[in-house]
Amino acid sequence: MSGPSGERGSATVWVVALGGLLAALGVAGVLVGAAVTGRHRATAAADLAALAGAARAVVGDPTACSVAARIAAENGAQLQTCTSVPGGIVDVRVRVPVRLGPLGETDAQGRARAGPAPP
């Protein structure tokens, strides 16, 4: 047997470093997943709100934007803007709060436009 080596116990340091790196990658993956999920929720809420508003606007109902706001709220979003133009076209913007754990909270934005198809 040879004498003591200067690298004794270095495997433990490498395992701890690798464990820390994997934990950081896992946390980053969860945060990215939360942001992507929030974006999808915002887009879906905007689509549904615009469709509901357009269904009312196409028949001349002046409450198209209030219907869009209600549908957005039922999907966990807040209506930021709603524009209803003659012809039944409704354009909406919504926001959905996204919690990013220790990083705080941010908003995911969604925008959609709906109305009858041109002839």
PDB file of N, CA and C in Angstrom:
ATOM      1  N   MET A   1       0.835  -1.177   0.000  1.00  0.00           N
ATOM      2  CA  MET A   1       0.000   0.000   0.000  1.00  0.00           C
ATOM      3  C   MET A   1       0.881   1.241   0.000  1.00  0.00           C
ATOM      4  N   SER A   2       0.406   2.236  -0.697  1.00  0.00           N
ATOM      5  CA  SER A   2       1.153   3.476  -0.730  1.00  0.00           C
ATOM      6  C   SER A   2       0.680   4.394   0.380  1.00  0.00           C
ATOM      7  N   GLY A   3       1.339   5.534   0.536  1.00  0.00           N
ATOM      8  CA  GLY A   3       1.021   6.481   1.598  1.00  0.00           C
ATOM      9  C   GLY A   3      -0.296   7.198   1.338  1.00  0.00           C
ATOM     10  N   PRO A   4      -0.713   8.060   2.275  1.00  0.00           N
ATOM     11  CA  PRO A   4      -1.970   8.788   2.137  1.00  0.00           C
ATOM     12  C   PRO A   4      -1.957   9.694   0.905  1.00  0.00           C
ATOM     13  N   SER A   5      -3.096   9.753   0.247  1.00  0.00           N
ATOM     14  CA  SER A   5      -3.236  10.560  -0.967  1.00  0.00           C
ATOM     15  C   SER A   5      -3.803  11.930  -0.604  1.00  0.00           C
ATOM     16  N   GLY A   6      -3.440  12.956  -1.407  1.00  0.00           N
ATOM     17  CA  GLY A   6      -3.951  14.297  -1.177  1.00  0.00           C
ATOM     18  C   GLY A   6      -5.381  14.464  -1.657  1.00  0.00           C
ATOM     19  N   GLU A   7      -5.933  13.446  -2.308  1.00  0.00           N
ATOM     20  CA  GLU A   7      -7.295  13.548  -2.851  1.00  0.00           C
ATOM     21  C   GLU A   7      -8.299  12.754  -2.031  1.00  0.00           C
ATOM     22  N   ARG A   8      -7.936  12.380  -0.866  1.00  0.00           N
ATOM     23  CA  ARG A   8      -8.825  11.591  -0.030  1.00  0.00           C
ATOM     24  C   ARG A   8     -10.059  12.421   0.347  1.00  0.00           C
ATOM     25  N   GLY A   9     -11.271  11.892   0.084  1.00  0.00           N
ATOM     26  CA  GLY A   9     -12.511  12.585   0.414  1.00  0.00           C
ATOM     27  C   GLY A   9     -12.998  13.526  -0.667  1.00  0.00           C
ATOM     28  N   SER A  10     -12.308  13.607  -1.791  1.00  0.00           N
ATOM     29  CA  SER A  10     -12.736  14.532  -2.842  1.00  0.00           C
ATOM     30  C   SER A  10     -14.026  14.075  -3.509  1.00  0.00           C
ATOM     31  N   ALA A  11     -14.322  12.797  -3.480  1.00  0.00           N
ATOM     32  CA  ALA A  11     -15.566  12.303  -4.084  1.00  0.00           C
ATOM     33  C   ALA A  11     -16.778  12.886  -3.352  1.00  0.00           C
ATOM     34  N   THR A  12     -16.672  13.045  -2.060  1.00  0.00           N
ATOM     35  CA  THR A  12     -17.766  13.617  -1.285  1.00  0.00           C
ATOM     36  C   THR A  12     -18.048  15.054  -1.723  1.00  0.00           C
ATOM     37  N   VAL A  13     -17.004  15.812  -1.959  1.00  0.00           N
ATOM     38  CA  VAL A  13     -17.174  17.189  -2.409  1.00  0.00           C
ATOM     39  C   VAL A  13     -17.852  17.218  -3.778  1.00  0.00           C
ATOM     40  N   TRP A  14     -17.432  16.340  -4.664  1.00  0.00           N
ATOM     41  CA  TRP A  14     -18.032  16.295  -6.004  1.00  0.00           C
ATOM     42  C   TRP A  14     -19.498  15.863  -5.954  1.00  0.00           C
ATOM     43  N   VAL A  15     -19.829  14.926  -5.090  1.00  0.00           N
ATOM     44  CA  VAL A  15     -21.220  14.471  -4.961  1.00  0.00           C
ATOM     45  C   VAL A  15     -22.094  15.590  -4.400  1.00  0.00           C
ATOM     46  N   VAL A  16     -21.593  16.330  -3.425  1.00  0.00           N
ATOM     47  CA  VAL A  16     -22.348  17.445  -2.857  1.00  0.00           C
ATOM     48  C   VAL A  16     -22.543  18.536  -3.910  1.00  0.00           C
ATOM     49  N   ALA A  17     -21.488  18.840  -4.682  1.00  0.00           N
ATOM     50  CA  ALA A  17     -21.600  19.855  -5.737  1.00  0.00           C
ATOM     51  C   ALA A  17     -22.601  19.423  -6.799  1.00  0.00           C
ATOM     52  N   LEU A  18     -22.546  18.157  -7.202  1.00  0.00           N
ATOM     53  CA  LEU A  18     -23.493  17.648  -8.207  1.00  0.00           C
ATOM     54  C   LEU A  18     -24.917  17.676  -7.671  1.00  0.00           C
ATOM     55  N   GLY A  19     -25.096  17.339  -6.394  1.00  0.00           N
ATOM     56  CA  GLY A  19     -26.425  17.392  -5.781  1.00  0.00           C
ATOM     57  C   GLY A  19     -26.977  18.813  -5.765  1.00  0.00           C
ATOM     58  N   GLY A  20     -26.129  19.784  -5.450  1.00  0.00           N
ATOM     59  CA  GLY A  20     -26.549  21.186  -5.464  1.00  0.00           C
ATOM     60  C   GLY A  20     -26.930  21.650  -6.854  1.00  0.00           C
ATOM     61  N   LEU A  21     -26.141  21.240  -7.847  1.00  0.00           N
ATOM     62  CA  LEU A  21     -26.446  21.597  -9.233  1.00  0.00           C
ATOM     63  C   LEU A  21     -27.775  20.997  -9.679  1.00  0.00           C
ATOM     64  N   LEU A  22     -28.006  19.742  -9.356  1.00  0.00           N
ATOM     65  CA  LEU A  22     -29.278  19.107  -9.729  1.00  0.00           C
ATOM     66  C   LEU A  22     -30.460  19.760  -9.023  1.00  0.00           C
ATOM     67  N   ALA A  23     -30.280  20.151  -7.772  1.00  0.00           N
ATOM     68  CA  ALA A  23     -31.358  20.840  -7.053  1.00  0.00           C
ATOM     69  C   ALA A  23     -31.658  22.186  -7.700  1.00  0.00           C
ATOM     70  N   ALA A  24     -30.617  22.927  -8.080  1.00  0.00           N
ATOM     71  CA  ALA A  24     -30.822  24.229  -8.735  1.00  0.00           C
ATOM     72  C   ALA A  24     -31.519  24.059 -10.079  1.00  0.00           C
ATOM     73  N   LEU A  25     -31.128  23.045 -10.837  1.00  0.00           N
ATOM     74  CA  LEU A  25     -31.797  22.786 -12.115  1.00  0.00           C
ATOM     75  C   LEU A  25     -33.257  22.396 -11.910  1.00  0.00           C
ATOM     76  N   GLY A  26     -33.527  21.635 -10.864  1.00  0.00           N
ATOM     77  CA  GLY A  26     -34.907  21.256 -10.566  1.00  0.00           C
ATOM     78  C   GLY A  26     -35.767  22.460 -10.218  1.00  0.00           C
ATOM     79  N   VAL A  27     -35.244  23.358  -9.401  1.00  0.00           N
ATOM     80  CA  VAL A  27     -35.978  24.573  -9.036  1.00  0.00           C
ATOM     81  C   VAL A  27     -36.211  25.439 -10.268  1.00  0.00           C
ATOM     82  N   ALA A  28     -35.189  25.580 -11.100  1.00  0.00           N
ATOM     83  CA  ALA A  28     -35.340  26.365 -12.336  1.00  0.00           C
ATOM     84  C   ALA A  28     -36.405  25.751 -13.238  1.00  0.00           C
ATOM     85  N   GLY A  29     -36.429  24.447 -13.333  1.00  0.00           N
ATOM     86  CA  GLY A  29     -37.440  23.776 -14.152  1.00  0.00           C
ATOM     87  C   GLY A  29     -38.853  24.008 -13.644  1.00  0.00           C
ATOM     88  N   VAL A  30     -39.017  23.985 -12.336  1.00  0.00           N
ATOM     89  CA  VAL A  30     -40.341  24.228 -11.741  1.00  0.00           C
ATOM     90  C   VAL A  30     -40.784  25.667 -12.007  1.00  0.00           C
ATOM     91  N   LEU A  31     -39.860  26.629 -11.874  1.00  0.00           N
ATOM     92  CA  LEU A  31     -40.206  28.035 -12.108  1.00  0.00           C
ATOM     93  C   LEU A  31     -40.564  28.285 -13.572  1.00  0.00           C
ATOM     94  N   VAL A  32     -39.819  27.691 -14.481  1.00  0.00           N
ATOM     95  CA  VAL A  32     -40.139  27.834 -15.907  1.00  0.00           C
ATOM     96  C   VAL A  32     -41.487  27.190 -16.198  1.00  0.00           C
ATOM     97  N   GLY A  33     -41.747  26.047 -15.609  1.00  0.00           N
ATOM     98  CA  GLY A  33     -43.040  25.385 -15.792  1.00  0.00           C
ATOM     99  C   GLY A  33     -44.196  26.224 -15.287  1.00  0.00           C
ATOM    100  N   ALA A  34     -44.008  26.896 -14.149  1.00  0.00           N
ATOM    101  CA  ALA A  34     -45.061  27.760 -13.611  1.00  0.00           C
ATOM    102  C   ALA A  34     -45.317  28.938 -14.539  1.00  0.00           C
ATOM    103  N   ALA A  35     -44.252  29.508 -15.084  1.00  0.00           N
ATOM    104  CA  ALA A  35     -44.413  30.646 -16.002  1.00  0.00           C
ATOM    105  C   ALA A  35     -45.119  30.220 -17.280  1.00  0.00           C
ATOM    106  N   VAL A  36     -44.757  29.077 -17.824  1.00  0.00           N
ATOM    107  CA  VAL A  36     -45.394  28.592 -19.058  1.00  0.00           C
ATOM    108  C   VAL A  36     -46.867  28.269 -18.807  1.00  0.00           C
ATOM    109  N   THR A  37     -47.150  27.653 -17.674  1.00  0.00           N
ATOM    110  CA  THR A  37     -48.539  27.343 -17.333  1.00  0.00           C
ATOM    111  C   THR A  37     -49.360  28.622 -17.186  1.00  0.00           C
ATOM    112  N   GLY A  38     -48.789  29.638 -16.555  1.00  0.00           N
ATOM    113  CA  GLY A  38     -49.482  30.924 -16.428  1.00  0.00           C
ATOM    114  C   GLY A  38     -49.768  31.549 -17.778  1.00  0.00           C
ATOM    115  N   ARG A  39     -48.812  31.473 -18.673  1.00  0.00           N
ATOM    116  CA  ARG A  39     -49.002  32.025 -20.026  1.00  0.00           C
ATOM    117  C   ARG A  39     -50.128  31.282 -20.759  1.00  0.00           C
ATOM    118  N   HIS A  40     -50.172  29.983 -20.628  1.00  0.00           N
ATOM    119  CA  HIS A  40     -51.242  29.207 -21.264  1.00  0.00           C
ATOM    120  C   HIS A  40     -52.605  29.534 -20.656  1.00  0.00           C
ATOM    121  N   ARG A  41     -52.642  29.703 -19.347  1.00  0.00           N
ATOM    122  CA  ARG A  41     -53.900  30.079 -18.693  1.00  0.00           C
ATOM    123  C   ARG A  41     -54.381  31.438 -19.171  1.00  0.00           C
ATOM    124  N   ALA A  42     -53.448  32.393 -19.305  1.00  0.00           N
ATOM    125  CA  ALA A  42     -53.813  33.736 -19.767  1.00  0.00           C
ATOM    126  C   ALA A  42     -54.328  33.699 -21.196  1.00  0.00           C
ATOM    127  N   THR A  43     -53.670  32.941 -22.047  1.00  0.00           N
ATOM    128  CA  THR A  43     -54.100  32.837 -23.446  1.00  0.00           C
ATOM    129  C   THR A  43     -55.474  32.189 -23.550  1.00  0.00           C
ATOM    130  N   ALA A  44     -55.691  31.131 -22.792  1.00  0.00           N
ATOM    131  CA  ALA A  44     -56.990  30.458 -22.827  1.00  0.00           C
ATOM    132  C   ALA A  44     -58.093  31.367 -22.293  1.00  0.00           C
ATOM    133  N   ALA A  45     -57.821  32.087 -21.210  1.00  0.00           N
ATOM    134  CA  ALA A  45     -58.820  32.997 -20.649  1.00  0.00           C
ATOM    135  C   ALA A  45     -59.145  34.114 -21.637  1.00  0.00           C
ATOM    136  N   ALA A  46     -58.130  34.637 -22.326  1.00  0.00           N
ATOM    137  CA  ALA A  46     -58.366  35.689 -23.318  1.00  0.00           C
ATOM    138  C   ALA A  46     -59.195  35.161 -24.484  1.00  0.00           C
ATOM    139  N   ASP A  47     -58.882  33.962 -24.949  1.00  0.00           N
ATOM    140  CA  ASP A  47     -59.651  33.372 -26.053  1.00  0.00           C
ATOM    141  C   ASP A  47     -61.119  33.201 -25.679  1.00  0.00           C
ATOM    142  N   LEU A  48     -61.357  32.646 -24.500  1.00  0.00           N
ATOM    143  CA  LEU A  48     -62.742  32.409 -24.080  1.00  0.00           C
ATOM    144  C   LEU A  48     -63.491  33.716 -23.851  1.00  0.00           C
ATOM    145  N   ALA A  49     -62.822  34.701 -23.267  1.00  0.00           N
ATOM    146  CA  ALA A  49     -63.465  35.991 -23.026  1.00  0.00           C
ATOM    147  C   ALA A  49     -63.805  36.680 -24.347  1.00  0.00           C
ATOM    148  N   ALA A  50     -62.887  36.629 -25.306  1.00  0.00           N
ATOM    149  CA  ALA A  50     -63.146  37.260 -26.604  1.00  0.00           C
ATOM    150  C   ALA A  50     -64.287  36.563 -27.334  1.00  0.00           C
ATOM    151  N   LEU A  51     -64.331  35.251 -27.276  1.00  0.00           N
ATOM    152  CA  LEU A  51     -65.420  34.521 -27.935  1.00  0.00           C
ATOM    153  C   LEU A  51     -66.772  34.832 -27.287  1.00  0.00           C
ATOM    154  N   ALA A  52     -66.805  34.872 -25.960  1.00  0.00           N
ATOM    155  CA  ALA A  52     -68.064  35.192 -25.268  1.00  0.00           C
ATOM    156  C   ALA A  52     -68.506  36.615 -25.584  1.00  0.00           C
ATOM    157  N   GLY A  53     -67.554  37.537 -25.584  1.00  0.00           N
ATOM    158  CA  GLY A  53     -67.894  38.922 -25.915  1.00  0.00           C
ATOM    159  C   GLY A  53     -68.360  39.066 -27.345  1.00  0.00           C
ATOM    160  N   ALA A  54     -67.711  38.375 -28.268  1.00  0.00           N
ATOM    161  CA  ALA A  54     -68.098  38.459 -29.681  1.00  0.00           C
ATOM    162  C   ALA A  54     -69.478  37.857 -29.914  1.00  0.00           C
ATOM    163  N   ALA A  55     -69.800  36.812 -29.162  1.00  0.00           N
ATOM    164  CA  ALA A  55     -71.128  36.205 -29.315  1.00  0.00           C
ATOM    165  C   ALA A  55     -72.217  37.214 -28.955  1.00  0.00           C
ATOM    166  N   ARG A  56     -71.939  38.087 -27.982  1.00  0.00           N
ATOM    167  CA  ARG A  56     -72.907  39.125 -27.614  1.00  0.00           C
ATOM    168  C   ARG A  56     -72.838  40.316 -28.562  1.00  0.00           C
ATOM    169  N   ALA A  57     -71.634  40.689 -28.975  1.00  0.00           N
ATOM    170  CA  ALA A  57     -71.464  41.868 -29.822  1.00  0.00           C
ATOM    171  C   ALA A  57     -72.039  41.660 -31.215  1.00  0.00           C
ATOM    172  N   VAL A  58     -72.019  40.446 -31.706  1.00  0.00           N
ATOM    173  CA  VAL A  58     -72.501  40.184 -33.066  1.00  0.00           C
ATOM    174  C   VAL A  58     -74.003  40.405 -33.189  1.00  0.00           C
ATOM    175  N   VAL A  59     -74.726  40.312 -32.078  1.00  0.00           N
ATOM    176  CA  VAL A  59     -76.163  40.566 -32.104  1.00  0.00           C
ATOM    177  C   VAL A  59     -76.499  41.966 -31.596  1.00  0.00           C
ATOM    178  N   GLY A  60     -75.457  42.787 -31.386  1.00  0.00           N
ATOM    179  CA  GLY A  60     -75.680  44.168 -30.988  1.00  0.00           C
ATOM    180  C   GLY A  60     -75.853  44.396 -29.506  1.00  0.00           C
ATOM    181  N   ASP A  61     -75.520  43.429 -28.690  1.00  0.00           N
ATOM    182  CA  ASP A  61     -75.658  43.577 -27.244  1.00  0.00           C
ATOM    183  C   ASP A  61     -74.565  44.513 -26.716  1.00  0.00           C
ATOM    184  N   PRO A  62     -74.937  45.603 -26.039  1.00  0.00           N
ATOM    185  CA  PRO A  62     -73.929  46.549 -25.542  1.00  0.00           C
ATOM    186  C   PRO A  62     -73.139  46.035 -24.331  1.00  0.00           C
ATOM    187  N   THR A  63     -73.519  44.890 -23.768  1.00  0.00           N
ATOM    188  CA  THR A  63     -72.828  44.352 -22.591  1.00  0.00           C
ATOM    189  C   THR A  63     -71.748  43.346 -22.958  1.00  0.00           C
ATOM    190  N   ALA A  64     -71.264  43.389 -24.192  1.00  0.00           N
ATOM    191  CA  ALA A  64     -70.281  42.403 -24.651  1.00  0.00           C
ATOM    192  C   ALA A  64     -69.029  42.412 -23.779  1.00  0.00           C
ATOM    193  N   CYS A  65     -68.543  43.577 -23.423  1.00  0.00           N
ATOM    194  CA  CYS A  65     -67.316  43.646 -22.617  1.00  0.00           C
ATOM    195  C   CYS A  65     -67.541  43.207 -21.170  1.00  0.00           C
ATOM    196  N   SER A  66     -68.727  43.438 -20.634  1.00  0.00           N
ATOM    197  CA  SER A  66     -68.985  42.957 -19.270  1.00  0.00           C
ATOM    198  C   SER A  66     -69.093  41.436 -19.247  1.00  0.00           C
ATOM    199  N   VAL A  67     -69.630  40.855 -20.311  1.00  0.00           N
ATOM    200  CA  VAL A  67     -69.664  39.388 -20.418  1.00  0.00           C
ATOM    201  C   VAL A  67     -68.238  38.859 -20.533  1.00  0.00           C
ATOM    202  N   ALA A  68     -67.405  39.528 -21.332  1.00  0.00           N
ATOM    203  CA  ALA A  68     -66.008  39.111 -21.482  1.00  0.00           C
ATOM    204  C   ALA A  68     -65.279  39.194 -20.142  1.00  0.00           C
ATOM    205  N   ALA A  69     -65.549  40.233 -19.360  1.00  0.00           N
ATOM    206  CA  ALA A  69     -64.914  40.387 -18.048  1.00  0.00           C
ATOM    207  C   ALA A  69     -65.337  39.268 -17.104  1.00  0.00           C
ATOM    208  N   ARG A  70     -66.604  38.898 -17.144  1.00  0.00           N
ATOM    209  CA  ARG A  70     -67.088  37.818 -16.275  1.00  0.00           C
ATOM    210  C   ARG A  70     -66.450  36.484 -16.646  1.00  0.00           C
ATOM    211  N   ILE A  71     -66.360  36.198 -17.933  1.00  0.00           N
ATOM    212  CA  ILE A  71     -65.763  34.941 -18.386  1.00  0.00           C
ATOM    213  C   ILE A  71     -64.271  34.913 -18.041  1.00  0.00           C
ATOM    214  N   ALA A  72     -63.582  36.040 -18.197  1.00  0.00           N
ATOM    215  CA  ALA A  72     -62.161  36.102 -17.828  1.00  0.00           C
ATOM    216  C   ALA A  72     -61.993  35.825 -16.333  1.00  0.00           C
ATOM    217  N   ALA A  73     -62.841  36.435 -15.510  1.00  0.00           N
ATOM    218  CA  ALA A  73     -62.760  36.232 -14.064  1.00  0.00           C
ATOM    219  C   ALA A  73     -63.040  34.786 -13.686  1.00  0.00           C
ATOM    220  N   GLU A  74     -63.984  34.156 -14.365  1.00  0.00           N
ATOM    221  CA  GLU A  74     -64.288  32.755 -14.082  1.00  0.00           C
ATOM    222  C   GLU A  74     -63.137  31.829 -14.467  1.00  0.00           C
ATOM    223  N   ASN A  75     -62.225  32.319 -15.294  1.00  0.00           N
ATOM    224  CA  ASN A  75     -61.050  31.538 -15.690  1.00  0.00           C
ATOM    225  C   ASN A  75     -59.790  32.003 -14.964  1.00  0.00           C
ATOM    226  N   GLY A  76     -59.956  32.751 -13.882  1.00  0.00           N
ATOM    227  CA  GLY A  76     -58.830  33.157 -13.058  1.00  0.00           C
ATOM    228  C   GLY A  76     -58.020  34.313 -13.608  1.00  0.00           C
ATOM    229  N   ALA A  77     -58.587  35.068 -14.536  1.00  0.00           N
ATOM    230  CA  ALA A  77     -57.879  36.196 -15.145  1.00  0.00           C
ATOM    231  C   ALA A  77     -58.611  37.490 -14.829  1.00  0.00           C
ATOM    232  N   GLN A  78     -57.909  38.572 -15.031  1.00  0.00           N
ATOM    233  CA  GLN A  78     -58.509  39.897 -14.863  1.00  0.00           C
ATOM    234  C   GLN A  78     -58.481  40.594 -16.218  1.00  0.00           C
ATOM    235  N   LEU A  79     -59.648  41.082 -16.647  1.00  0.00           N
ATOM    236  CA  LEU A  79     -59.732  41.793 -17.919  1.00  0.00           C
ATOM    237  C   LEU A  79     -59.064  43.148 -17.772  1.00  0.00           C
ATOM    238  N   GLN A  80     -58.090  43.434 -18.636  1.00  0.00           N
ATOM    239  CA  GLN A  80     -57.410  44.726 -18.615  1.00  0.00           C
ATOM    240  C   GLN A  80     -58.055  45.692 -19.590  1.00  0.00           C
ATOM    241  N   THR A  81     -58.252  45.259 -20.822  1.00  0.00           N
ATOM    242  CA  THR A  81     -58.908  46.101 -21.817  1.00  0.00           C
ATOM    243  C   THR A  81     -59.874  45.255 -22.626  1.00  0.00           C
ATOM    244  N   CYS A  82     -60.910  45.915 -23.094  1.00  0.00           N
ATOM    245  CA  CYS A  82     -61.881  45.274 -23.967  1.00  0.00           C
ATOM    246  C   CYS A  82     -62.366  46.321 -24.959  1.00  0.00           C
ATOM    247  N   THR A  83     -62.300  45.983 -26.233  1.00  0.00           N
ATOM    248  CA  THR A  83     -62.767  46.878 -27.275  1.00  0.00           C
ATOM    249  C   THR A  83     -63.762  46.123 -28.138  1.00  0.00           C
ATOM    250  N   SER A  84     -64.931  46.696 -28.286  1.00  0.00           N
ATOM    251  CA  SER A  84     -65.963  46.117 -29.136  1.00  0.00           C
ATOM    252  C   SER A  84     -66.223  47.093 -30.275  1.00  0.00           C
ATOM    253  N   VAL A  85     -66.010  46.625 -31.499  1.00  0.00           N
ATOM    254  CA  VAL A  85     -66.206  47.491 -32.666  1.00  0.00           C
ATOM    255  C   VAL A  85     -67.428  47.013 -33.441  1.00  0.00           C
ATOM    256  N   PRO A  86     -68.030  47.902 -34.213  1.00  0.00           N
ATOM    257  CA  PRO A  86     -69.187  47.481 -35.015  1.00  0.00           C
ATOM    258  C   PRO A  86     -68.831  46.290 -35.899  1.00  0.00           C
ATOM    259  N   GLY A  87     -69.772  45.421 -36.032  1.00  0.00           N
ATOM    260  CA  GLY A  87     -69.557  44.208 -36.811  1.00  0.00           C
ATOM    261  C   GLY A  87     -69.349  42.997 -35.927  1.00  0.00           C
ATOM    262  N   GLY A  88     -69.324  43.210 -34.623  1.00  0.00           N
ATOM    263  CA  GLY A  88     -69.239  42.085 -33.692  1.00  0.00           C
ATOM    264  C   GLY A  88     -67.831  41.639 -33.351  1.00  0.00           C
ATOM    265  N   ILE A  89     -66.839  42.462 -33.610  1.00  0.00           N
ATOM    266  CA  ILE A  89     -65.458  42.079 -33.292  1.00  0.00           C
ATOM    267  C   ILE A  89     -65.109  42.599 -31.902  1.00  0.00           C
ATOM    268  N   VAL A  90     -64.550  41.715 -31.085  1.00  0.00           N
ATOM    269  CA  VAL A  90     -64.157  42.053 -29.721  1.00  0.00           C
ATOM    270  C   VAL A  90     -62.671  41.736 -29.554  1.00  0.00           C
ATOM    271  N   ASP A  91     -61.935  42.697 -29.014  1.00  0.00           N
ATOM    272  CA  ASP A  91     -60.502  42.536 -28.751  1.00  0.00           C
ATOM    273  C   ASP A  91     -60.287  42.691 -27.248  1.00  0.00           C
ATOM    274  N   VAL A  92     -59.686  41.678 -26.608  1.00  0.00           N
ATOM    275  CA  VAL A  92     -59.495  41.717 -25.156  1.00  0.00           C
ATOM    276  C   VAL A  92     -58.036  41.475 -24.788  1.00  0.00           C
ATOM    277  N   ARG A  93     -57.665  42.028 -23.646  1.00  0.00           N
ATOM    278  CA  ARG A  93     -56.373  41.757 -23.016  1.00  0.00           C
ATOM    279  C   ARG A  93     -56.656  41.376 -21.574  1.00  0.00           C
ATOM    280  N   VAL A  94     -56.006  40.307 -21.128  1.00  0.00           N
ATOM    281  CA  VAL A  94     -56.188  39.841 -19.758  1.00  0.00           C
ATOM    282  C   VAL A  94     -54.828  39.635 -19.106  1.00  0.00           C
ATOM    283  N   ARG A  95     -54.860  39.533 -17.786  1.00  0.00           N
ATOM    284  CA  ARG A  95     -53.659  39.190 -17.035  1.00  0.00           C
ATOM    285  C   ARG A  95     -54.011  38.115 -16.014  1.00  0.00           C
ATOM    286  N   VAL A  96     -53.055  37.230 -15.788  1.00  0.00           N
ATOM    287  CA  VAL A  96     -53.208  36.169 -14.807  1.00  0.00           C
ATOM    288  C   VAL A  96     -52.006  36.242 -13.869  1.00  0.00           C
ATOM    289  N   PRO A  97     -52.234  36.333 -12.563  1.00  0.00           N
ATOM    290  CA  PRO A  97     -51.098  36.346 -11.638  1.00  0.00           C
ATOM    291  C   PRO A  97     -50.421  34.973 -11.586  1.00  0.00           C
ATOM    292  N   VAL A  98     -49.089  34.988 -11.612  1.00  0.00           N
ATOM    293  CA  VAL A  98     -48.307  33.754 -11.561  1.00  0.00           C
ATOM    294  C   VAL A  98     -47.361  33.852 -10.380  1.00  0.00           C
ATOM    295  N   ARG A  99     -47.467  32.902  -9.451  1.00  0.00           N
ATOM    296  CA  ARG A  99     -46.577  32.870  -8.289  1.00  0.00           C
ATOM    297  C   ARG A  99     -45.310  32.107  -8.642  1.00  0.00           C
ATOM    298  N   LEU A 100     -44.184  32.737  -8.383  1.00  0.00           N
ATOM    299  CA  LEU A 100     -42.895  32.114  -8.676  1.00  0.00           C
ATOM    300  C   LEU A 100     -42.121  31.824  -7.393  1.00  0.00           C
ATOM    301  N   GLY A 101     -42.833  31.359  -6.401  1.00  0.00           N
ATOM    302  CA  GLY A 101     -42.211  30.961  -5.143  1.00  0.00           C
ATOM    303  C   GLY A 101     -41.447  32.097  -4.495  1.00  0.00           C
ATOM    304  N   PRO A 102     -40.176  31.867  -4.174  1.00  0.00           N
ATOM    305  CA  PRO A 102     -39.398  32.892  -3.475  1.00  0.00           C
ATOM    306  C   PRO A 102     -39.080  34.110  -4.342  1.00  0.00           C
ATOM    307  N   LEU A 103     -39.296  34.016  -5.640  1.00  0.00           N
ATOM    308  CA  LEU A 103     -39.036  35.146  -6.522  1.00  0.00           C
ATOM    309  C   LEU A 103     -40.188  36.145  -6.550  1.00  0.00           C
ATOM    310  N   GLY A 104     -41.300  35.800  -5.917  1.00  0.00           N
ATOM    311  CA  GLY A 104     -42.448  36.708  -5.869  1.00  0.00           C
ATOM    312  C   GLY A 104     -43.527  36.319  -6.867  1.00  0.00           C
ATOM    313  N   GLU A 105     -44.238  37.331  -7.318  1.00  0.00           N
ATOM    314  CA  GLU A 105     -45.362  37.113  -8.224  1.00  0.00           C
ATOM    315  C   GLU A 105     -45.207  38.022  -9.435  1.00  0.00           C
ATOM    316  N   THR A 106     -45.613  37.512 -10.586  1.00  0.00           N
ATOM    317  CA  THR A 106     -45.599  38.293 -11.816  1.00  0.00           C
ATOM    318  C   THR A 106     -46.911  38.053 -12.545  1.00  0.00           C
ATOM    319  N   ASP A 107     -47.116  38.755 -13.630  1.00  0.00           N
ATOM    320  CA  ASP A 107     -48.340  38.601 -14.407  1.00  0.00           C
ATOM    321  C   ASP A 107     -48.038  37.984 -15.756  1.00  0.00           C
ATOM    322  N   ALA A 108     -48.886  37.042 -16.148  1.00  0.00           N
ATOM    323  CA  ALA A 108     -48.852  36.514 -17.505  1.00  0.00           C
ATOM    324  C   ALA A 108     -49.924  37.256 -18.292  1.00  0.00           C
ATOM    325  N   GLN A 109     -49.592  37.706 -19.468  1.00  0.00           N
ATOM    326  CA  GLN A 109     -50.514  38.483 -20.298  1.00  0.00           C
ATOM    327  C   GLN A 109     -51.099  37.602 -21.398  1.00  0.00           C
ATOM    328  N   GLY A 110     -52.340  37.889 -21.752  1.00  0.00           N
ATOM    329  CA  GLY A 110     -52.990  37.198 -22.854  1.00  0.00           C
ATOM    330  C   GLY A 110     -53.809  38.188 -23.670  1.00  0.00           C
ATOM    331  N   ARG A 111     -53.853  37.983 -24.970  1.00  0.00           N
ATOM    332  CA  ARG A 111     -54.633  38.866 -25.855  1.00  0.00           C
ATOM    333  C   ARG A 111     -55.335  37.995 -26.892  1.00  0.00           C
ATOM    334  N   ALA A 112     -56.565  38.363 -27.187  1.00  0.00           N
ATOM    335  CA  ALA A 112     -57.321  37.624 -28.198  1.00  0.00           C
ATOM    336  C   ALA A 112     -58.308  38.539 -28.882  1.00  0.00           C
ATOM    337  N   ARG A 113     -58.649  38.179 -30.081  1.00  0.00           N
ATOM    338  CA  ARG A 113     -59.612  38.925 -30.874  1.00  0.00           C
ATOM    339  C   ARG A 113     -60.567  37.905 -31.487  1.00  0.00           C
ATOM    340  N   ALA A 114     -61.858  38.197 -31.423  1.00  0.00           N
ATOM    341  CA  ALA A 114     -62.845  37.278 -31.965  1.00  0.00           C
ATOM    342  C   ALA A 114     -63.952  38.055 -32.639  1.00  0.00           C
ATOM    343  N   GLY A 115     -64.597  37.411 -33.572  1.00  0.00           N
ATOM    344  CA  GLY A 115     -65.708  38.013 -34.293  1.00  0.00           C
ATOM    345  C   GLY A 115     -66.080  37.145 -35.473  1.00  0.00           C
ATOM    346  N   PRO A 116     -67.078  37.575 -36.217  1.00  0.00           N
ATOM    347  CA  PRO A 116     -67.503  36.785 -37.361  1.00  0.00           C
ATOM    348  C   PRO A 116     -66.438  36.801 -38.458  1.00  0.00           C
ATOM    349  N   ALA A 117     -66.391  35.744 -39.206  1.00  0.00           N
ATOM    350  CA  ALA A 117     -65.442  35.656 -40.330  1.00  0.00           C
ATOM    351  C   ALA A 117     -65.905  36.547 -41.465  1.00  0.00           C
ATOM    352  N   PRO A 118     -64.982  37.175 -42.163  1.00  0.00           N
ATOM    353  CA  PRO A 118     -65.404  38.009 -43.292  1.00  0.00           C
ATOM    354  C   PRO A 118     -65.999  37.147 -44.399  1.00  0.00           C
ATOM    355  N   PRO A 119     -66.894  37.737 -45.194  1.00  0.00           N
ATOM    356  CA  PRO A 119     -67.538  36.929 -46.240  1.00  0.00           C
ATOM    357  C   PRO A 119     -66.563  36.500 -47.322  1.00  0.00           C
TER     358      PRO A 119
END
